[in-house]
Amino acid sequence: MKTLYLIRHSKSAVQMHNQEDFDRPLNERGKKDAEEMGKRLHKKNVKPDMIISSPALRALKTSKLFAAEIGYPEKNIRTDAAIYEANIDKLIGLIREIKDENAKVFIFGHNPAFTGLVGYLTNTFLDNMPTSGIAQINFDLPTWKQVTANSGKLSYFDFPKNQPAS
């Protein structure tokens, strides 16, 4: 059994003149939402074997805030440039390269690819994966190399406005 958590970066600041999209930071709401969603996973006792993040500032900061809430060492967060501006094919390639000893993996990244990837992997339609949204996909597979279209089941989907903060 393999479990993938696709987590969209939190709400980012408006892009400033002469600022690259890659370098956009989180805004205050984004920081608060990332902490809240990390707490929700902590309450569910979710502990990843591996965290992979887009190196874009807003995604990496989101991954660090989640890691702090769930007790995952920040120094163990791996970045992968392929996640930034990725399409579904690139993300599937990344997933298939995960070592099988990592049964539970978090990937932090971006839309529209993450919304599309949830649909591709689970045959579940999502209109949009909101910022700080979490999609848990379970695969009844022995290896990440076997992940393909409709091979997973969406077992958990949550986002900040889904329920009141506790």
N, C-alpha and C. Protein backbone atom coordinates (compact mmCIF):
# COMPACT_ATOMS: atom_id res chain seq x y z
N MET A 1 0.85 -1.18 0.00
CA MET A 1 0.00 0.00 0.00
C MET A 1 0.88 1.24 0.00
N LYS A 2 0.60 2.15 -0.90
CA LYS A 2 1.31 3.43 -1.00
C LYS A 2 0.28 4.55 -0.80
N THR A 3 0.69 5.60 -0.10
CA THR A 3 -0.20 6.73 0.15
C THR A 3 0.50 8.01 -0.25
N LEU A 4 -0.18 8.77 -1.10
CA LEU A 4 0.34 10.03 -1.60
C LEU A 4 -0.55 11.16 -1.11
N TYR A 5 0.08 12.19 -0.56
CA TYR A 5 -0.62 13.41 -0.19
C TYR A 5 -0.16 14.50 -1.14
N LEU A 6 -1.07 14.98 -1.97
CA LEU A 6 -0.79 16.13 -2.82
C LEU A 6 -1.27 17.36 -2.07
N ILE A 7 -0.37 18.29 -1.82
CA ILE A 7 -0.69 19.48 -1.04
C ILE A 7 -0.34 20.71 -1.85
N ARG A 8 -1.36 21.50 -2.14
CA ARG A 8 -1.12 22.73 -2.90
C ARG A 8 -0.55 23.79 -1.96
N HIS A 9 0.38 24.56 -2.46
CA HIS A 9 0.96 25.64 -1.66
C HIS A 9 -0.12 26.55 -1.11
N SER A 10 0.19 27.22 -0.02
CA SER A 10 -0.75 28.15 0.62
C SER A 10 -0.85 29.45 -0.17
N LYS A 11 -1.78 30.27 0.26
CA LYS A 11 -2.05 31.55 -0.40
C LYS A 11 -0.80 32.42 -0.42
N SER A 12 -0.47 32.91 -1.60
CA SER A 12 0.76 33.70 -1.75
C SER A 12 0.43 35.17 -1.92
N ALA A 13 1.45 35.96 -1.71
CA ALA A 13 1.33 37.40 -1.88
C ALA A 13 1.16 37.72 -3.36
N VAL A 14 0.57 38.86 -3.64
CA VAL A 14 0.42 39.33 -5.01
C VAL A 14 1.82 39.58 -5.59
N GLN A 15 1.98 39.17 -6.83
CA GLN A 15 3.28 39.35 -7.48
C GLN A 15 3.58 40.84 -7.64
N MET A 16 4.73 41.25 -7.17
CA MET A 16 5.15 42.64 -7.25
C MET A 16 5.85 42.89 -8.58
N HIS A 17 5.87 44.13 -8.99
CA HIS A 17 6.57 44.52 -10.20
C HIS A 17 8.02 44.07 -10.12
N ASN A 18 8.55 43.49 -11.18
CA ASN A 18 9.93 42.99 -11.26
C ASN A 18 10.21 41.80 -10.34
N GLN A 19 9.17 41.16 -9.80
CA GLN A 19 9.36 39.97 -8.97
C GLN A 19 9.00 38.75 -9.80
N GLU A 20 9.86 37.77 -9.77
CA GLU A 20 9.58 36.52 -10.47
C GLU A 20 8.48 35.75 -9.74
N ASP A 21 7.64 35.05 -10.50
CA ASP A 21 6.59 34.22 -9.91
C ASP A 21 7.18 33.22 -8.92
N PHE A 22 8.32 32.66 -9.26
CA PHE A 22 9.02 31.67 -8.44
C PHE A 22 9.30 32.19 -7.04
N ASP A 23 9.51 33.50 -6.90
CA ASP A 23 9.93 34.11 -5.63
C ASP A 23 8.79 34.71 -4.82
N ARG A 24 7.55 34.44 -5.19
CA ARG A 24 6.43 35.00 -4.43
C ARG A 24 6.34 34.33 -3.06
N PRO A 25 6.28 35.13 -1.98
CA PRO A 25 6.17 34.57 -0.63
C PRO A 25 4.71 34.28 -0.27
N LEU A 26 4.51 33.63 0.86
CA LEU A 26 3.16 33.46 1.39
C LEU A 26 2.68 34.77 1.99
N ASN A 27 1.38 34.99 1.91
CA ASN A 27 0.84 36.13 2.65
C ASN A 27 0.45 35.65 4.05
N GLU A 28 -0.07 36.53 4.88
CA GLU A 28 -0.38 36.16 6.27
C GLU A 28 -1.44 35.06 6.34
N ARG A 29 -2.45 35.17 5.51
CA ARG A 29 -3.48 34.11 5.47
C ARG A 29 -2.86 32.77 5.08
N GLY A 30 -1.95 32.80 4.12
CA GLY A 30 -1.29 31.57 3.68
C GLY A 30 -0.51 30.91 4.81
N LYS A 31 0.20 31.70 5.58
CA LYS A 31 0.96 31.15 6.72
C LYS A 31 0.01 30.52 7.74
N LYS A 32 -1.06 31.24 8.05
CA LYS A 32 -2.05 30.75 9.03
C LYS A 32 -2.70 29.46 8.52
N ASP A 33 -3.10 29.44 7.25
CA ASP A 33 -3.74 28.25 6.68
C ASP A 33 -2.81 27.04 6.67
N ALA A 34 -1.54 27.26 6.33
CA ALA A 34 -0.57 26.15 6.32
C ALA A 34 -0.43 25.55 7.72
N GLU A 35 -0.33 26.41 8.71
CA GLU A 35 -0.23 25.92 10.09
C GLU A 35 -1.49 25.15 10.49
N GLU A 36 -2.66 25.69 10.14
CA GLU A 36 -3.92 25.03 10.48
C GLU A 36 -4.03 23.66 9.80
N MET A 37 -3.69 23.59 8.53
CA MET A 37 -3.80 22.31 7.82
C MET A 37 -2.78 21.30 8.33
N GLY A 38 -1.61 21.77 8.69
CA GLY A 38 -0.61 20.89 9.32
C GLY A 38 -1.14 20.34 10.64
N LYS A 39 -1.82 21.19 11.41
CA LYS A 39 -2.41 20.74 12.69
C LYS A 39 -3.48 19.68 12.45
N ARG A 40 -4.26 19.86 11.39
CA ARG A 40 -5.29 18.86 11.08
C ARG A 40 -4.66 17.49 10.79
N LEU A 41 -3.57 17.50 10.04
CA LEU A 41 -2.89 16.23 9.76
C LEU A 41 -2.27 15.66 11.03
N HIS A 42 -1.73 16.52 11.87
CA HIS A 42 -1.15 16.08 13.14
C HIS A 42 -2.22 15.39 14.01
N LYS A 43 -3.41 15.98 14.05
CA LYS A 43 -4.51 15.39 14.82
C LYS A 43 -4.91 14.02 14.28
N LYS A 44 -4.71 13.81 12.99
CA LYS A 44 -4.99 12.51 12.37
C LYS A 44 -3.79 11.56 12.49
N ASN A 45 -2.73 12.05 13.15
CA ASN A 45 -1.50 11.27 13.36
C ASN A 45 -0.85 10.86 12.03
N VAL A 46 -0.87 11.76 11.07
CA VAL A 46 -0.26 11.50 9.77
C VAL A 46 1.23 11.84 9.84
N LYS A 47 2.06 10.86 9.53
CA LYS A 47 3.52 11.03 9.54
C LYS A 47 4.08 10.54 8.20
N PRO A 48 4.59 11.46 7.38
CA PRO A 48 5.14 11.01 6.09
C PRO A 48 6.52 10.39 6.24
N ASP A 49 6.82 9.50 5.32
CA ASP A 49 8.18 8.96 5.23
C ASP A 49 9.07 9.91 4.45
N MET A 50 8.46 10.72 3.60
CA MET A 50 9.21 11.64 2.76
C MET A 50 8.34 12.83 2.39
N ILE A 51 8.98 14.01 2.35
CA ILE A 51 8.34 15.22 1.84
C ILE A 51 9.17 15.73 0.68
N ILE A 52 8.48 15.97 -0.45
CA ILE A 52 9.11 16.54 -1.63
C ILE A 52 8.36 17.83 -1.94
N SER A 53 9.09 18.91 -2.20
CA SER A 53 8.45 20.19 -2.47
C SER A 53 9.00 20.82 -3.74
N SER A 54 8.14 21.56 -4.40
CA SER A 54 8.61 22.48 -5.43
C SER A 54 9.57 23.44 -4.74
N PRO A 55 10.62 23.87 -5.41
CA PRO A 55 11.53 24.83 -4.79
C PRO A 55 11.01 26.27 -4.82
N ALA A 56 9.87 26.52 -5.47
CA ALA A 56 9.29 27.87 -5.47
C ALA A 56 9.04 28.28 -4.02
N LEU A 57 9.33 29.52 -3.71
CA LEU A 57 9.30 30.00 -2.33
C LEU A 57 7.99 29.69 -1.62
N ARG A 58 6.85 29.93 -2.27
CA ARG A 58 5.56 29.72 -1.60
C ARG A 58 5.31 28.24 -1.29
N ALA A 59 5.74 27.34 -2.16
CA ALA A 59 5.55 25.91 -1.91
C ALA A 59 6.52 25.42 -0.83
N LEU A 60 7.77 25.84 -0.92
CA LEU A 60 8.76 25.40 0.06
C LEU A 60 8.41 25.89 1.46
N LYS A 61 7.96 27.13 1.57
CA LYS A 61 7.56 27.67 2.88
C LYS A 61 6.35 26.91 3.41
N THR A 62 5.41 26.59 2.54
CA THR A 62 4.24 25.79 2.96
C THR A 62 4.70 24.44 3.50
N SER A 63 5.62 23.78 2.81
CA SER A 63 6.10 22.47 3.26
C SER A 63 6.78 22.58 4.62
N LYS A 64 7.52 23.66 4.84
CA LYS A 64 8.21 23.84 6.12
C LYS A 64 7.22 24.08 7.26
N LEU A 65 6.16 24.83 6.99
CA LEU A 65 5.15 25.07 8.02
C LEU A 65 4.40 23.78 8.36
N PHE A 66 4.06 22.99 7.36
CA PHE A 66 3.43 21.68 7.62
C PHE A 66 4.39 20.80 8.42
N ALA A 67 5.64 20.74 7.99
CA ALA A 67 6.63 19.88 8.66
C ALA A 67 6.73 20.23 10.14
N ALA A 68 6.74 21.52 10.45
CA ALA A 68 6.83 21.95 11.85
C ALA A 68 5.63 21.45 12.65
N GLU A 69 4.45 21.46 12.06
CA GLU A 69 3.24 21.04 12.78
C GLU A 69 3.17 19.53 12.99
N ILE A 70 3.72 18.76 12.06
CA ILE A 70 3.62 17.29 12.17
C ILE A 70 4.89 16.65 12.73
N GLY A 71 5.90 17.46 13.03
CA GLY A 71 7.12 16.93 13.62
C GLY A 71 8.06 16.26 12.63
N TYR A 72 8.03 16.71 11.39
CA TYR A 72 8.94 16.19 10.36
C TYR A 72 10.15 17.12 10.28
N PRO A 73 11.37 16.58 10.30
CA PRO A 73 12.56 17.44 10.27
C PRO A 73 12.66 18.26 8.97
N GLU A 74 12.70 19.57 9.12
CA GLU A 74 12.78 20.47 7.97
C GLU A 74 13.98 20.13 7.08
N LYS A 75 15.08 19.73 7.68
CA LYS A 75 16.30 19.42 6.92
C LYS A 75 16.11 18.22 5.99
N ASN A 76 15.06 17.42 6.22
CA ASN A 76 14.81 16.25 5.37
C ASN A 76 13.88 16.53 4.20
N ILE A 77 13.38 17.76 4.10
CA ILE A 77 12.51 18.11 2.96
C ILE A 77 13.37 18.15 1.70
N ARG A 78 12.94 17.39 0.71
CA ARG A 78 13.65 17.35 -0.57
C ARG A 78 12.94 18.28 -1.55
N THR A 79 13.69 19.01 -2.33
CA THR A 79 13.06 19.83 -3.37
C THR A 79 13.32 19.20 -4.73
N ASP A 80 12.39 19.43 -5.63
CA ASP A 80 12.52 18.92 -6.99
C ASP A 80 11.99 19.98 -7.95
N ALA A 81 12.88 20.52 -8.75
CA ALA A 81 12.53 21.59 -9.69
C ALA A 81 11.48 21.17 -10.70
N ALA A 82 11.35 19.87 -10.95
CA ALA A 82 10.36 19.39 -11.92
C ALA A 82 8.93 19.68 -11.48
N ILE A 83 8.70 19.91 -10.19
CA ILE A 83 7.34 20.16 -9.69
C ILE A 83 6.85 21.55 -10.12
N TYR A 84 7.76 22.51 -10.17
CA TYR A 84 7.38 23.86 -10.54
C TYR A 84 7.03 23.89 -12.03
N GLU A 85 5.87 24.36 -12.36
CA GLU A 85 5.35 24.40 -13.73
C GLU A 85 5.23 23.02 -14.37
N ALA A 86 5.05 22.00 -13.53
CA ALA A 86 4.94 20.62 -14.04
C ALA A 86 3.59 20.37 -14.68
N ASN A 87 3.57 19.39 -15.56
CA ASN A 87 2.32 18.87 -16.07
C ASN A 87 2.11 17.48 -15.46
N ILE A 88 1.01 16.85 -15.77
CA ILE A 88 0.69 15.55 -15.18
C ILE A 88 1.77 14.52 -15.50
N ASP A 89 2.25 14.48 -16.74
CA ASP A 89 3.27 13.50 -17.12
C ASP A 89 4.54 13.64 -16.28
N LYS A 90 4.98 14.88 -16.05
CA LYS A 90 6.18 15.09 -15.24
C LYS A 90 5.96 14.63 -13.80
N LEU A 91 4.79 14.93 -13.27
CA LEU A 91 4.49 14.53 -11.89
C LEU A 91 4.39 13.01 -11.76
N ILE A 92 3.79 12.34 -12.74
CA ILE A 92 3.75 10.87 -12.72
C ILE A 92 5.17 10.31 -12.74
N GLY A 93 6.02 10.89 -13.57
CA GLY A 93 7.43 10.45 -13.62
C GLY A 93 8.11 10.60 -12.27
N LEU A 94 7.87 11.72 -11.61
CA LEU A 94 8.44 11.95 -10.28
C LEU A 94 7.93 10.91 -9.28
N ILE A 95 6.63 10.65 -9.29
CA ILE A 95 6.03 9.68 -8.37
C ILE A 95 6.62 8.29 -8.60
N ARG A 96 6.78 7.90 -9.85
CA ARG A 96 7.30 6.57 -10.16
C ARG A 96 8.76 6.38 -9.75
N GLU A 97 9.46 7.49 -9.51
CA GLU A 97 10.86 7.42 -9.08
C GLU A 97 11.02 7.35 -7.56
N ILE A 98 9.93 7.46 -6.81
CA ILE A 98 10.01 7.40 -5.35
C ILE A 98 10.44 5.99 -4.94
N LYS A 99 11.38 5.93 -4.02
CA LYS A 99 11.85 4.63 -3.51
C LYS A 99 10.72 3.98 -2.71
N ASP A 100 10.56 2.68 -2.90
CA ASP A 100 9.43 1.96 -2.32
C ASP A 100 9.45 1.88 -0.80
N GLU A 101 10.60 2.12 -0.18
CA GLU A 101 10.61 2.13 1.29
C GLU A 101 9.82 3.32 1.85
N ASN A 102 9.53 4.29 1.01
CA ASN A 102 8.72 5.46 1.40
C ASN A 102 7.26 5.16 1.06
N ALA A 103 6.53 4.65 2.04
CA ALA A 103 5.14 4.24 1.80
C ALA A 103 4.18 5.42 1.83
N LYS A 104 4.52 6.47 2.58
CA LYS A 104 3.64 7.63 2.73
C LYS A 104 4.44 8.87 2.35
N VAL A 105 4.02 9.56 1.28
CA VAL A 105 4.79 10.67 0.73
C VAL A 105 3.90 11.90 0.56
N PHE A 106 4.44 13.05 0.96
CA PHE A 106 3.81 14.35 0.73
C PHE A 106 4.52 15.01 -0.44
N ILE A 107 3.76 15.57 -1.38
CA ILE A 107 4.34 16.40 -2.43
C ILE A 107 3.63 17.76 -2.38
N PHE A 108 4.42 18.82 -2.28
CA PHE A 108 3.91 20.18 -2.24
C PHE A 108 4.15 20.83 -3.60
N GLY A 109 3.08 21.37 -4.18
CA GLY A 109 3.23 21.97 -5.50
C GLY A 109 2.11 22.92 -5.85
N HIS A 110 1.75 22.91 -7.13
CA HIS A 110 0.98 23.99 -7.73
C HIS A 110 -0.18 23.50 -8.58
N ASN A 111 -1.12 24.40 -8.79
CA ASN A 111 -2.17 24.21 -9.78
C ASN A 111 -1.71 24.81 -11.09
N PRO A 112 -2.26 24.42 -12.20
CA PRO A 112 -3.39 23.52 -12.37
C PRO A 112 -3.01 22.03 -12.33
N ALA A 113 -1.74 21.74 -12.29
CA ALA A 113 -1.29 20.34 -12.36
C ALA A 113 -1.85 19.48 -11.23
N PHE A 114 -1.90 20.00 -10.00
CA PHE A 114 -2.35 19.17 -8.89
C PHE A 114 -3.83 18.81 -9.01
N THR A 115 -4.66 19.76 -9.41
CA THR A 115 -6.08 19.45 -9.60
C THR A 115 -6.23 18.38 -10.68
N GLY A 116 -5.52 18.54 -11.77
CA GLY A 116 -5.57 17.55 -12.85
C GLY A 116 -5.04 16.19 -12.44
N LEU A 117 -3.98 16.19 -11.64
CA LEU A 117 -3.37 14.93 -11.22
C LEU A 117 -4.31 14.13 -10.32
N VAL A 118 -5.03 14.81 -9.43
CA VAL A 118 -6.00 14.10 -8.58
C VAL A 118 -7.01 13.39 -9.47
N GLY A 119 -7.55 14.08 -10.45
CA GLY A 119 -8.51 13.47 -11.37
C GLY A 119 -7.93 12.31 -12.15
N TYR A 120 -6.71 12.50 -12.64
CA TYR A 120 -6.03 11.47 -13.43
C TYR A 120 -5.79 10.20 -12.60
N LEU A 121 -5.33 10.37 -11.38
CA LEU A 121 -4.97 9.21 -10.56
C LEU A 121 -6.17 8.49 -9.96
N THR A 122 -7.28 9.23 -9.75
CA THR A 122 -8.40 8.66 -9.00
C THR A 122 -9.72 8.62 -9.76
N ASN A 123 -9.77 9.20 -10.94
CA ASN A 123 -11.01 9.33 -11.69
C ASN A 123 -12.08 10.07 -10.87
N THR A 124 -11.62 11.02 -10.07
CA THR A 124 -12.50 11.86 -9.26
C THR A 124 -12.40 13.28 -9.77
N PHE A 125 -13.53 13.89 -10.08
CA PHE A 125 -13.50 15.26 -10.59
C PHE A 125 -13.39 16.24 -9.44
N LEU A 126 -12.38 17.08 -9.49
CA LEU A 126 -12.25 18.23 -8.59
C LEU A 126 -12.30 19.47 -9.47
N ASP A 127 -13.15 20.40 -9.14
CA ASP A 127 -13.22 21.65 -9.89
C ASP A 127 -11.93 22.43 -9.69
N ASN A 128 -11.43 22.43 -8.46
CA ASN A 128 -10.22 23.18 -8.14
C ASN A 128 -9.67 22.68 -6.82
N MET A 129 -8.38 22.53 -6.75
CA MET A 129 -7.74 22.23 -5.48
C MET A 129 -7.36 23.58 -4.87
N PRO A 130 -8.01 23.98 -3.79
CA PRO A 130 -7.73 25.29 -3.21
C PRO A 130 -6.33 25.39 -2.62
N THR A 131 -5.88 26.61 -2.40
CA THR A 131 -4.60 26.79 -1.72
C THR A 131 -4.68 26.12 -0.36
N SER A 132 -3.59 25.50 0.05
CA SER A 132 -3.48 24.71 1.28
C SER A 132 -4.34 23.44 1.25
N GLY A 133 -4.89 23.10 0.08
CA GLY A 133 -5.70 21.90 -0.04
C GLY A 133 -4.85 20.64 0.03
N ILE A 134 -5.43 19.60 0.60
CA ILE A 134 -4.77 18.31 0.77
C ILE A 134 -5.63 17.23 0.12
N ALA A 135 -5.02 16.45 -0.77
CA ALA A 135 -5.69 15.29 -1.35
C ALA A 135 -4.87 14.06 -0.99
N GLN A 136 -5.48 13.15 -0.24
CA GLN A 136 -4.82 11.89 0.10
C GLN A 136 -5.29 10.83 -0.88
N ILE A 137 -4.33 10.20 -1.54
CA ILE A 137 -4.64 9.17 -2.53
C ILE A 137 -3.96 7.88 -2.09
N ASN A 138 -4.76 6.83 -1.94
CA ASN A 138 -4.24 5.52 -1.57
C ASN A 138 -4.13 4.65 -2.81
N PHE A 139 -3.03 3.94 -2.89
CA PHE A 139 -2.77 3.02 -4.00
C PHE A 139 -2.60 1.62 -3.42
N ASP A 140 -3.38 0.69 -3.88
CA ASP A 140 -3.22 -0.71 -3.46
C ASP A 140 -2.21 -1.36 -4.40
N LEU A 141 -0.98 -0.85 -4.31
CA LEU A 141 0.11 -1.27 -5.19
C LEU A 141 1.36 -1.53 -4.35
N PRO A 142 2.20 -2.47 -4.75
CA PRO A 142 3.43 -2.73 -4.00
C PRO A 142 4.55 -1.75 -4.32
N THR A 143 4.44 -1.06 -5.45
CA THR A 143 5.54 -0.19 -5.87
C THR A 143 5.00 1.09 -6.51
N TRP A 144 5.72 2.18 -6.30
CA TRP A 144 5.35 3.46 -6.91
C TRP A 144 5.45 3.38 -8.44
N LYS A 145 6.26 2.50 -8.96
CA LYS A 145 6.44 2.37 -10.41
C LYS A 145 5.15 1.99 -11.13
N GLN A 146 4.19 1.43 -10.40
CA GLN A 146 2.94 0.98 -10.99
C GLN A 146 1.85 2.05 -11.00
N VAL A 147 2.13 3.22 -10.44
CA VAL A 147 1.13 4.28 -10.41
C VAL A 147 0.82 4.73 -11.83
N THR A 148 -0.47 4.75 -12.13
CA THR A 148 -0.93 5.15 -13.46
C THR A 148 -2.34 5.71 -13.36
N ALA A 149 -2.95 6.02 -14.48
CA ALA A 149 -4.30 6.57 -14.49
C ALA A 149 -5.26 5.64 -13.75
N ASN A 150 -6.10 6.24 -12.90
CA ASN A 150 -7.16 5.53 -12.17
C ASN A 150 -6.65 4.41 -11.27
N SER A 151 -5.37 4.45 -10.87
CA SER A 151 -4.83 3.40 -10.00
C SER A 151 -4.97 3.73 -8.52
N GLY A 152 -5.44 4.93 -8.21
CA GLY A 152 -5.56 5.34 -6.82
C GLY A 152 -6.99 5.63 -6.43
N LYS A 153 -7.17 5.78 -5.11
CA LYS A 153 -8.49 6.12 -4.56
C LYS A 153 -8.33 7.35 -3.69
N LEU A 154 -9.14 8.38 -3.97
CA LEU A 154 -9.13 9.58 -3.15
C LEU A 154 -9.82 9.24 -1.83
N SER A 155 -9.06 9.25 -0.74
CA SER A 155 -9.62 8.83 0.54
C SER A 155 -9.79 9.98 1.52
N TYR A 156 -9.21 11.14 1.20
CA TYR A 156 -9.31 12.30 2.09
C TYR A 156 -9.05 13.54 1.26
N PHE A 157 -9.92 14.52 1.44
CA PHE A 157 -9.74 15.80 0.76
C PHE A 157 -10.15 16.88 1.74
N ASP A 158 -9.26 17.83 1.98
CA ASP A 158 -9.55 18.88 2.94
C ASP A 158 -8.87 20.17 2.49
N PHE A 159 -9.41 21.28 2.96
CA PHE A 159 -8.86 22.60 2.65
C PHE A 159 -9.33 23.54 3.74
N PRO A 160 -8.69 24.69 3.90
CA PRO A 160 -8.97 25.56 5.05
C PRO A 160 -10.43 25.93 5.27
N LYS A 161 -11.17 26.22 4.23
CA LYS A 161 -12.56 26.65 4.41
C LYS A 161 -13.53 25.48 4.51
N ASN A 162 -13.03 24.27 4.46
CA ASN A 162 -13.87 23.07 4.51
C ASN A 162 -14.56 22.89 5.86
N GLN A 163 -13.91 23.32 6.91
CA GLN A 163 -14.48 23.21 8.25
C GLN A 163 -13.91 24.30 9.11
N PRO A 164 -14.58 24.64 10.18
CA PRO A 164 -14.07 25.71 11.02
C PRO A 164 -12.73 25.34 11.65
N ALA A 165 -11.86 26.32 11.77
CA ALA A 165 -10.57 26.09 12.43
C ALA A 165 -10.83 25.72 13.89
N SER A 166 -10.02 24.81 14.40
CA SER A 166 -10.20 24.41 15.80
C SER A 166 -9.09 24.93 16.67
